Protein backbone atom coordinates (compact mmCIF):
# COMPACT_ATOMS: atom_id res chain seq x y z
CA MET A 1 58.88 76.69 98.48
CA ASP A 2 60.97 78.37 101.18
CA ALA A 3 64.32 80.07 101.01
CA ALA A 4 66.17 76.95 101.93
CA ALA A 5 64.75 75.20 98.94
CA SER A 6 66.05 77.79 96.56
CA PRO A 7 69.85 77.79 96.72
CA ASN A 8 70.09 79.52 93.41
CA LEU A 9 68.73 82.84 94.73
CA ALA A 10 72.27 83.82 95.98
CA THR A 11 73.65 83.32 92.43
CA ASP A 12 70.85 85.15 90.52
CA PRO A 13 72.06 87.27 87.66
CA VAL A 14 72.49 90.83 88.87
CA LEU A 15 71.41 93.32 86.25
CA ASP A 16 72.78 96.82 85.87
CA ALA A 17 70.55 99.77 84.89
CA ARG A 18 70.84 99.01 81.16
CA GLY A 19 70.04 95.31 81.74
CA LYS A 20 66.95 96.16 83.73
CA ARG A 21 65.78 98.56 81.02
CA VAL A 22 66.25 95.93 78.29
CA LEU A 23 64.44 93.35 80.48
CA LEU A 24 61.50 95.75 80.87
CA TRP A 25 61.18 96.10 77.09
CA LEU A 26 61.47 92.36 76.47
CA ILE A 27 58.68 91.68 78.98
CA ALA A 28 56.64 94.55 77.49
CA PHE A 29 57.06 92.99 74.06
CA SER A 30 55.69 89.68 75.27
CA PHE A 31 52.77 91.40 76.91
CA PHE A 32 52.17 93.23 73.61
CA MET A 33 51.97 89.94 71.73
CA GLN A 34 49.44 88.47 74.16
CA MET A 35 47.30 91.59 74.42
CA LEU A 36 47.25 92.08 70.66
CA ASP A 37 46.07 88.55 70.23
CA SER A 38 43.44 88.83 72.92
CA THR A 39 41.81 91.95 71.55
CA ILE A 40 42.27 91.51 67.81
CA VAL A 41 39.96 88.44 67.91
CA ASN A 42 37.08 90.25 69.56
CA THR A 43 36.09 92.52 66.61
CA ALA A 44 36.41 89.63 64.17
CA THR A 45 34.12 87.36 66.15
CA PRO A 46 30.97 87.86 63.95
CA THR A 47 33.02 87.41 60.76
CA ILE A 48 34.76 84.22 61.99
CA ALA A 49 31.35 82.89 63.16
CA ALA A 50 29.84 83.65 59.79
CA GLY A 51 32.67 81.89 58.00
CA MET A 52 32.25 78.83 60.11
CA GLY A 53 28.43 78.80 59.93
CA ILE A 54 27.83 79.30 63.65
CA ALA A 55 26.10 81.97 65.86
CA PRO A 56 28.46 84.74 67.15
CA LEU A 57 27.72 83.84 70.77
CA ASP A 58 28.83 80.25 70.07
CA LEU A 59 32.34 81.46 69.29
CA ARG A 60 32.83 82.03 73.02
CA THR A 61 34.34 78.49 73.07
CA ALA A 62 37.32 79.72 71.05
CA LEU A 63 37.73 82.68 73.47
CA THR A 64 37.36 80.70 76.66
CA SER A 65 39.56 77.81 75.42
CA TYR A 66 42.51 80.21 75.17
CA THR A 67 42.10 81.74 78.62
CA LEU A 68 41.25 78.40 80.12
CA ALA A 69 44.40 76.88 78.63
CA LEU A 70 46.35 79.71 80.13
CA ALA A 71 44.89 79.07 83.55
CA VAL A 72 45.37 75.26 83.38
CA PHE A 73 48.93 75.28 82.08
CA ILE A 74 50.32 78.30 83.92
CA PRO A 75 50.96 76.24 87.15
CA LEU A 76 53.55 74.32 85.09
CA SER A 77 55.48 77.57 84.52
CA SER A 78 56.66 77.71 88.11
CA TRP A 79 58.17 74.23 88.04
CA LEU A 80 59.57 74.62 84.49
CA SER A 81 61.22 78.00 85.23
CA ASP A 82 62.76 76.73 88.45
CA ARG A 83 64.10 73.58 86.76
CA HIS A 84 65.13 74.86 83.29
CA GLY A 85 65.57 78.60 83.88
CA THR A 86 63.59 81.61 82.74
CA ARG A 87 65.56 82.05 79.51
CA VAL A 88 64.86 78.58 78.06
CA VAL A 89 61.20 78.50 79.18
CA PHE A 90 60.51 81.99 77.91
CA TRP A 91 62.03 81.16 74.47
CA TRP A 92 59.98 77.98 74.08
CA ALA A 93 56.85 79.84 75.23
CA ILE A 94 57.22 82.35 72.38
CA LEU A 95 57.87 79.53 69.87
CA ILE A 96 54.81 77.55 70.85
CA PHE A 97 52.62 80.68 70.90
CA THR A 98 53.77 81.56 67.41
CA LEU A 99 53.11 78.00 66.08
CA GLY A 100 49.65 78.06 67.73
CA SER A 101 48.90 81.38 65.99
CA LEU A 102 49.87 79.77 62.65
CA ALA A 103 47.50 76.83 63.42
CA CYS A 104 44.67 79.23 64.29
CA GLY A 105 45.00 80.95 60.94
CA LEU A 106 44.83 77.61 59.17
CA ALA A 107 41.79 76.26 61.09
CA GLN A 108 38.86 75.12 58.96
CA ASN A 109 36.16 74.78 61.63
CA LEU A 110 35.36 75.75 65.23
CA TRP A 111 36.97 72.73 66.83
CA MET A 112 40.15 73.06 64.88
CA LEU A 113 40.23 76.65 65.99
CA VAL A 114 39.58 75.70 69.60
CA ALA A 115 42.42 73.08 69.44
CA ALA A 116 44.82 75.68 68.00
CA ARG A 117 43.84 78.20 70.61
CA ILE A 118 44.68 75.64 73.29
CA VAL A 119 48.18 75.37 71.83
CA GLN A 120 48.45 79.14 71.80
CA GLY A 121 47.29 79.19 75.40
CA PHE A 122 50.01 76.66 76.36
CA GLY A 123 52.63 79.01 74.98
CA GLY A 124 51.05 82.06 76.50
CA ALA A 125 50.84 80.24 79.82
CA MET A 126 54.64 80.30 80.05
CA MET A 127 55.13 83.89 78.84
CA MET A 128 53.25 86.02 81.36
CA PRO A 129 54.17 84.37 84.62
CA VAL A 130 57.79 83.83 83.67
CA GLY A 131 58.00 87.46 82.54
CA ARG A 132 56.50 88.66 85.84
CA LEU A 133 58.86 86.35 87.72
CA ALA A 134 61.84 87.85 85.96
CA LEU A 135 60.70 91.34 87.03
CA VAL A 136 60.14 90.17 90.63
CA ARG A 137 63.73 88.73 90.82
CA ALA A 138 65.37 91.65 88.99
CA PHE A 139 63.77 94.61 90.84
CA ASP A 140 63.61 95.53 94.50
CA LYS A 141 60.18 95.70 96.16
CA SER A 142 60.32 99.52 96.10
CA GLU A 143 60.84 99.45 92.31
CA PHE A 144 58.41 96.60 91.44
CA VAL A 145 55.16 98.60 91.10
CA ASP A 146 56.76 101.14 88.76
CA ALA A 147 58.55 98.38 86.84
CA MET A 148 55.36 96.43 86.36
CA ALA A 149 53.42 99.50 85.37
CA PHE A 150 56.10 100.47 82.79
CA ALA A 151 56.39 96.91 81.38
CA THR A 152 52.68 96.80 80.68
CA ILE A 153 52.55 100.20 78.91
CA PRO A 154 53.80 98.99 75.54
CA GLY A 155 51.67 95.94 76.01
CA LEU A 156 48.66 98.18 76.04
CA ILE A 157 49.43 99.29 72.51
CA GLY A 158 48.03 95.91 71.56
CA PRO A 159 44.50 96.72 72.81
CA ALA A 160 44.80 100.18 71.10
CA ILE A 161 45.49 98.75 67.67
CA GLY A 162 44.10 95.19 68.03
CA PRO A 163 40.38 95.97 67.60
CA VAL A 164 41.00 98.20 64.54
CA LEU A 165 43.31 95.60 62.97
CA GLY A 166 40.76 92.91 63.67
CA GLY A 167 38.08 94.96 61.95
CA LEU A 168 40.26 95.86 58.97
CA PHE A 169 41.51 92.31 58.44
CA SER A 170 38.08 90.70 58.74
CA GLU A 171 36.36 93.30 56.53
CA TYR A 172 38.89 93.85 53.80
CA LEU A 173 41.27 90.88 53.85
CA SER A 174 40.53 87.71 55.85
CA TRP A 175 39.95 86.93 59.48
CA ARG A 176 42.87 84.46 59.20
CA MET A 177 45.20 87.48 59.06
CA ILE A 178 44.40 88.28 62.72
CA PHE A 179 46.42 85.21 63.62
CA PHE A 180 49.05 85.36 60.95
CA VAL A 181 50.06 88.89 62.08
CA ASN A 182 51.63 87.21 65.17
CA LEU A 183 54.22 85.38 63.10
CA PRO A 184 56.71 88.35 62.56
CA PHE A 185 56.28 89.44 66.17
CA GLY A 186 57.06 85.89 67.25
CA LEU A 187 60.30 85.77 65.28
CA ILE A 188 61.42 89.02 66.75
CA GLY A 189 60.46 87.80 70.26
CA LEU A 190 62.53 84.59 69.79
CA PHE A 191 65.59 86.67 68.97
CA MET A 192 65.11 89.02 71.95
CA ALA A 193 64.43 86.17 74.40
CA ARG A 194 67.58 84.29 73.45
CA ARG A 195 69.76 87.36 73.79
CA PHE A 196 68.28 89.49 76.63
CA MET A 197 66.28 87.29 79.04
CA PRO A 198 68.32 86.63 82.27
CA ASP A 199 68.49 83.04 83.41
CA TYR A 200 66.80 82.91 86.85
CA ARG A 201 66.36 79.43 88.44
CA GLY A 202 65.01 77.89 91.55
CA ALA A 203 65.19 74.43 93.16
CA ARG A 204 65.95 71.90 90.38
CA ASP A 205 65.43 68.79 92.37
CA THR A 206 61.69 69.28 92.97
CA ARG A 207 59.48 66.64 91.32
CA LEU A 208 56.53 67.66 89.14
CA ASP A 209 53.26 67.20 90.93
CA VAL A 210 51.56 65.24 88.15
CA ALA A 211 48.59 64.08 90.18
CA GLY A 212 47.93 67.57 91.42
CA PHE A 213 48.19 69.00 87.92
CA VAL A 214 45.66 66.48 86.61
CA LEU A 215 43.12 67.15 89.40
CA PHE A 216 43.51 70.96 89.03
CA ALA A 217 43.16 70.78 85.23
CA LEU A 218 40.04 68.56 85.49
CA GLY A 219 38.49 70.92 88.08
CA ALA A 220 39.16 74.22 86.33
CA GLY A 221 38.38 72.89 82.81
CA GLY A 222 35.31 71.11 84.07
CA LEU A 223 33.79 74.25 85.64
CA SER A 224 34.25 76.25 82.43
CA TRP A 225 32.72 73.47 80.34
CA ALA A 226 29.83 73.19 82.73
CA LEU A 227 29.03 76.90 82.33
CA GLU A 228 29.05 76.47 78.55
CA GLN A 229 26.66 73.50 78.75
CA VAL A 230 24.24 75.59 80.82
CA SER A 231 24.54 78.41 78.34
CA ASP A 232 23.48 76.05 75.57
CA SER A 233 20.47 74.92 77.70
CA ARG A 234 22.03 71.49 78.30
CA TYR A 235 21.28 71.74 81.97
CA ALA A 236 21.74 68.06 82.93
CA GLN A 237 25.17 67.84 81.38
CA GLY A 238 26.11 71.16 82.90
CA ILE A 239 25.09 70.11 86.41
CA LEU A 240 26.90 66.72 86.17
CA ALA A 241 30.02 68.43 84.83
CA GLY A 242 29.90 70.98 87.62
CA ILE A 243 29.58 68.28 90.26
CA ALA A 244 32.53 66.33 88.79
CA ALA A 245 34.60 69.56 88.54
CA PHE A 246 33.98 70.49 92.18
CA ALA A 247 34.75 66.92 93.20
CA ALA A 248 38.14 67.21 91.37
CA LEU A 249 38.96 70.53 93.03
CA ALA A 250 38.05 69.12 96.47
CA LEU A 251 40.40 66.21 95.84
CA TYR A 252 43.05 68.69 94.81
CA LEU A 253 42.64 70.59 98.03
CA ARG A 254 43.13 67.37 100.00
CA HIS A 255 46.12 66.42 97.84
CA ALA A 256 47.77 69.91 98.17
CA ARG A 257 47.80 69.70 102.01
CA ARG A 258 49.79 66.50 101.85
CA ALA A 259 52.03 67.03 98.82
CA ALA A 260 55.62 68.18 99.52
CA ALA A 261 55.64 70.42 96.40
CA PRO A 262 52.05 70.87 95.07
CA ILE A 263 51.57 72.29 91.61
CA VAL A 264 49.65 75.16 93.18
CA ASP A 265 50.90 75.92 96.68
CA LEU A 266 47.90 76.99 98.69
CA LYS A 267 50.13 77.83 101.62
CA LEU A 268 50.77 81.15 99.99
CA LEU A 269 47.18 82.06 100.87
CA ARG A 270 48.28 82.31 104.48
CA ILE A 271 49.91 85.62 103.53
CA ARG A 272 47.11 88.14 103.97
CA SER A 273 47.98 90.50 101.10
CA PHE A 274 48.46 87.59 98.68
CA ARG A 275 45.19 85.93 99.78
CA ILE A 276 43.15 89.11 99.36
CA ALA A 277 44.74 89.77 95.99
CA PHE A 278 44.05 86.16 94.89
CA ASN A 279 40.35 86.13 96.00
CA GLY A 280 39.70 89.76 94.93
CA ALA A 281 41.14 89.33 91.50
CA PHE A 282 38.87 86.29 90.86
CA ALA A 283 35.72 88.03 92.08
CA THR A 284 36.44 91.24 90.15
CA ARG A 285 37.30 89.56 86.87
CA LEU A 286 34.17 87.34 87.09
CA GLY A 287 32.20 90.59 86.49
CA VAL A 288 34.53 92.32 83.99
CA GLY A 289 35.96 89.32 82.09
CA GLY A 290 33.25 89.28 79.41
CA ILE A 291 32.84 93.03 78.86
CA TYR A 292 35.05 93.33 75.76
CA PHE A 293 33.30 90.33 74.14
CA LEU A 294 29.83 91.71 74.85
CA LEU A 295 30.65 95.24 73.71
CA THR A 296 31.78 93.86 70.34
CA LEU A 297 28.54 91.93 69.94
CA LEU A 298 26.53 95.01 70.90
CA PHE A 299 28.29 97.29 68.39
CA GLN A 300 28.08 94.78 65.50
CA VAL A 301 25.01 92.62 66.12
CA GLY A 302 23.00 95.10 68.20
CA PHE A 303 23.81 98.40 66.51
CA GLY A 304 24.77 97.06 63.08
CA TYR A 305 28.14 98.81 62.97
CA SER A 306 30.92 97.51 60.75
CA ALA A 307 33.80 95.52 62.14
CA VAL A 308 36.11 98.47 61.62
CA MET A 309 33.72 100.86 63.50
CA ALA A 310 33.38 98.36 66.33
CA GLY A 311 37.15 98.24 66.53
CA LEU A 312 37.51 102.05 66.56
CA LEU A 313 34.99 102.26 69.43
CA GLN A 314 37.35 100.10 71.47
CA VAL A 315 40.38 102.33 70.92
CA PRO A 316 39.44 104.96 73.54
CA GLN A 317 39.46 102.30 76.21
CA ALA A 318 42.99 101.17 75.25
CA VAL A 319 44.24 104.75 75.03
CA ALA A 320 42.81 105.46 78.54
CA MET A 321 44.45 102.37 79.91
CA LEU A 322 47.79 103.38 78.41
CA LEU A 323 47.56 106.89 79.90
CA MET A 324 46.64 105.62 83.43
CA ARG A 325 49.78 103.46 83.51
CA PHE A 326 51.84 106.59 83.84
CA PHE A 327 50.06 107.54 87.04
CA ALA A 328 48.96 104.19 88.51
CA GLY A 329 52.17 103.61 90.49
CA THR A 330 52.06 107.09 92.08
CA ILE A 331 48.37 106.81 92.99
CA ILE A 332 48.90 103.46 94.64
CA LYS A 333 51.91 104.72 96.55
CA TYR A 334 50.07 107.72 97.96
CA GLN A 335 46.59 106.30 98.44
CA GLY A 336 47.44 102.76 99.39
CA TYR A 337 46.10 99.49 98.06
CA ARG A 338 43.12 99.38 100.41
CA ARG A 339 41.63 102.72 99.46
CA VAL A 340 42.38 102.35 95.72
CA LEU A 341 40.83 98.82 95.46
CA LEU A 342 37.78 99.56 97.58
CA TYR A 343 36.74 102.68 95.79
CA ASN A 344 38.04 101.84 92.28
CA THR A 345 36.31 98.38 92.23
CA ALA A 346 32.99 99.91 93.22
CA LEU A 347 33.44 102.61 90.53
CA SER A 348 34.20 99.95 87.94
CA GLY A 349 30.83 98.24 88.74
CA ILE A 350 28.98 101.58 88.35
CA LEU A 351 30.58 102.20 84.99
CA ILE A 352 29.66 98.76 83.78
CA MET A 353 26.05 99.39 84.75
CA LEU A 354 26.14 102.66 82.83
CA PHE A 355 26.79 100.64 79.67
CA ALA A 356 23.14 99.53 80.00
CA THR A 357 22.16 103.04 78.93
CA LEU A 358 23.67 102.57 75.48
CA HIS A 359 21.24 102.31 72.55
CA GLU A 360 21.22 102.75 68.74
CA ALA A 361 20.71 106.51 69.01
CA THR A 362 23.52 107.09 71.52
CA PRO A 363 25.95 109.58 69.99
CA ILE A 364 29.33 108.17 69.00
CA TRP A 365 31.13 110.75 71.19
CA LEU A 366 29.22 109.62 74.29
CA ILE A 367 30.03 105.95 73.61
CA CYS A 368 33.69 106.90 73.22
CA MET A 369 33.56 108.87 76.45
CA GLN A 370 32.02 106.00 78.43
CA VAL A 371 34.51 103.53 77.01
CA PHE A 372 37.43 105.90 77.72
CA VAL A 373 36.48 106.48 81.42
CA TYR A 374 35.94 102.69 81.83
CA GLY A 375 39.41 102.00 80.43
CA PHE A 376 40.99 104.64 82.69
CA VAL A 377 39.48 103.15 85.84
CA MET A 378 40.15 99.51 84.87
CA SER A 379 43.83 100.26 84.16
CA LEU A 380 44.29 101.45 87.72
CA GLN A 381 42.35 98.36 88.85
CA TYR A 382 44.57 95.87 87.00
CA THR A 383 47.80 97.50 88.13
CA ALA A 384 46.76 97.38 91.75
CA MET A 385 45.45 93.80 91.63
CA ASN A 386 48.44 92.56 89.62
CA THR A 387 51.05 93.93 92.11
CA LEU A 388 49.26 93.58 95.43
CA GLY A 389 50.08 89.90 95.88
CA PHE A 390 53.82 90.50 95.63
CA ILE A 391 54.30 93.23 98.28
CA ASP A 392 54.75 90.76 101.16
CA LEU A 393 56.05 87.81 99.10
CA ALA A 394 59.57 86.54 99.79
CA PRO A 395 61.82 86.22 96.65
CA ALA A 396 62.02 82.41 97.21
CA ARG A 397 58.29 82.22 96.69
CA ALA A 398 58.18 84.62 93.68
CA SER A 399 57.99 81.83 91.12
CA MET A 400 54.96 80.13 92.67
CA GLY A 401 53.32 83.48 93.48
CA SER A 402 53.68 84.58 89.84
CA SER A 403 52.28 81.26 88.64
CA MET A 404 49.25 81.42 90.96
CA THR A 405 48.56 85.10 90.19
CA SER A 406 48.56 84.43 86.44
CA THR A 407 46.44 81.31 86.87
CA ILE A 408 43.69 83.03 88.79
CA GLN A 409 43.70 85.96 86.34
CA ASN A 410 43.03 83.78 83.30
CA LEU A 411 40.76 81.35 85.11
CA SER A 412 38.55 84.21 86.27
CA ILE A 413 38.58 85.79 82.75
CA SER A 414 37.51 82.43 81.25
CA PHE A 415 34.71 82.14 83.84
CA GLY A 416 33.84 85.78 83.26
CA ILE A 417 33.29 85.23 79.48
CA ALA A 418 31.30 82.06 80.19
CA PHE A 419 29.23 83.80 82.87
CA ALA A 420 28.50 86.80 80.66
CA SER A 421 27.57 84.46 77.77
CA LEU A 422 25.27 82.51 80.09
CA LEU A 423 23.45 85.72 81.11
CA MET A 424 23.12 86.82 77.48
CA ALA A 425 21.79 83.40 76.49
CA VAL A 426 19.23 83.51 79.30
CA PHE A 427 17.98 87.01 78.37
CA LEU A 428 17.95 86.29 74.65
CA HIS A 429 15.50 83.39 75.15
CA GLY A 430 16.73 81.86 71.87
CA THR A 431 15.82 84.97 69.82
CA HIS A 432 18.11 86.83 67.45
CA GLY A 433 18.29 90.34 65.97
CA GLY A 434 19.59 93.74 66.93
CA GLU A 435 16.85 94.84 69.33
CA HIS A 436 16.89 91.55 71.14
CA TYR A 437 20.69 91.82 71.57
CA ILE A 438 20.38 95.34 72.96
CA THR A 439 17.76 94.34 75.51
CA ALA A 440 19.75 91.30 76.59
CA PHE A 441 22.93 93.35 76.76
CA ARG A 442 21.35 95.90 79.06
CA ALA A 443 20.14 93.29 81.54
CA THR A 444 23.44 91.54 81.48
CA MET A 445 25.39 94.76 82.09
CA LEU A 446 23.30 95.52 85.23
CA ILE A 447 24.05 92.11 86.66
CA LEU A 448 27.79 92.17 85.79
CA GLY A 449 28.09 95.70 87.23
CA GLY A 450 26.43 94.63 90.45
CA VAL A 451 28.74 91.59 90.81
CA THR A 452 31.80 93.82 90.16
CA ALA A 453 30.70 96.53 92.69
CA LEU A 454 30.07 93.82 95.33
CA SER A 455 33.55 92.37 94.72
CA SER A 456 35.03 95.54 96.26
CA LEU A 457 34.18 94.03 99.67
CA MET A 458 36.94 91.45 99.04
CA PHE A 459 39.51 94.20 99.71
CA VAL A 460 38.08 95.35 103.12
CA GLY A 461 40.64 93.19 104.94
CA LEU A 462 43.66 95.07 103.56
CA PRO A 463 45.54 97.07 106.21
CA ARG A 464 45.19 100.86 106.26
CA ARG A 465 48.62 101.66 104.88
CA THR A 466 50.30 102.71 101.70
CA VAL A 467 52.82 100.66 99.67
């Protein structure tokens, strides 16, 4: 979508300083809802699995279904926000997310939970990219990194309290409360969205690329399902699903070159900074996407800690991520994207490999220290990756850029969880028990750390310049 196709850019709402501050808090609130939901589930995984009579590792389907739904439906956010405006789409996103949370809490089995998580994912798919789009349209390029860093700070309170709440609810009340807790936040979000979200729009006469959406959804969903089949030792089904998924993606690539307004506009990849951010984010999150999930299993299944203790051990990571957000913008401005992403990505891989040194006798303070440092480094990583793609992007392409960025984030997280689960399943060899989990965890961390460290090479092509 070029500037000519976006006549509404000239009439965009112009926010004063107060309006920008309110918008920042509104977007931060939506990030908080999503981050709380993402992290509160992790510590309750063994409890939910026990309640449904399945193995903890099998619950990955409920985790990947949410992130995969985000990835599949996010491309719709660009078209919807251009056609109906950010205010309407954002309000409906919060409503659907809240209703999905209610359905999750009422689920009676794994597949009901998976279906409800998909509904949640559909709502969440509209929240994150539309929120980022509003920031891109409201703030100048020189302000965007600081604005994005600030907006995600309150959102990081979710990871700080989510694991503890998940442990407390699952141990002393019910795991269903981890979803019901979203209901009051959803009601507040609906009020704030209706009153404070500016109404940014794009070209309204663009037709929805239905064929492209179907092909993309089949390809992305098929790849994730193929990884799960291989994890469950159903190799024939996994291979067939993988072939079909790659065929669907190949057809989409062919379709996107010919379509006037494809659901995912691959022409944006011609912009070097956007292309590197797109590819680098996928490669990096493939290694780090399953770390939270595996740490929870290690603490509870491997070490035998309670759900509350497992949640408390995740808090240092969230606190570190919160603290780094106050410095991330300054670091990126003075060091530049290339230097930050090259060295920080490699350091992230090393820290993941150091998790392989954890064992039952590891002092609690040392576990907290490792988790804290990892969170500190990953906070800078996420800030840099999430803003890199927008530094050379014209405002007319902000909607599509936000959609594609959010899509690749969640798609890679979904693949990351599936990839980590596959490695764990391979190293477990069908066995169970604490010691087996610890051994499998160590081997998995070494591989995931190596993948993450190697992904730093994706950022070599960035120019040697600052923001």
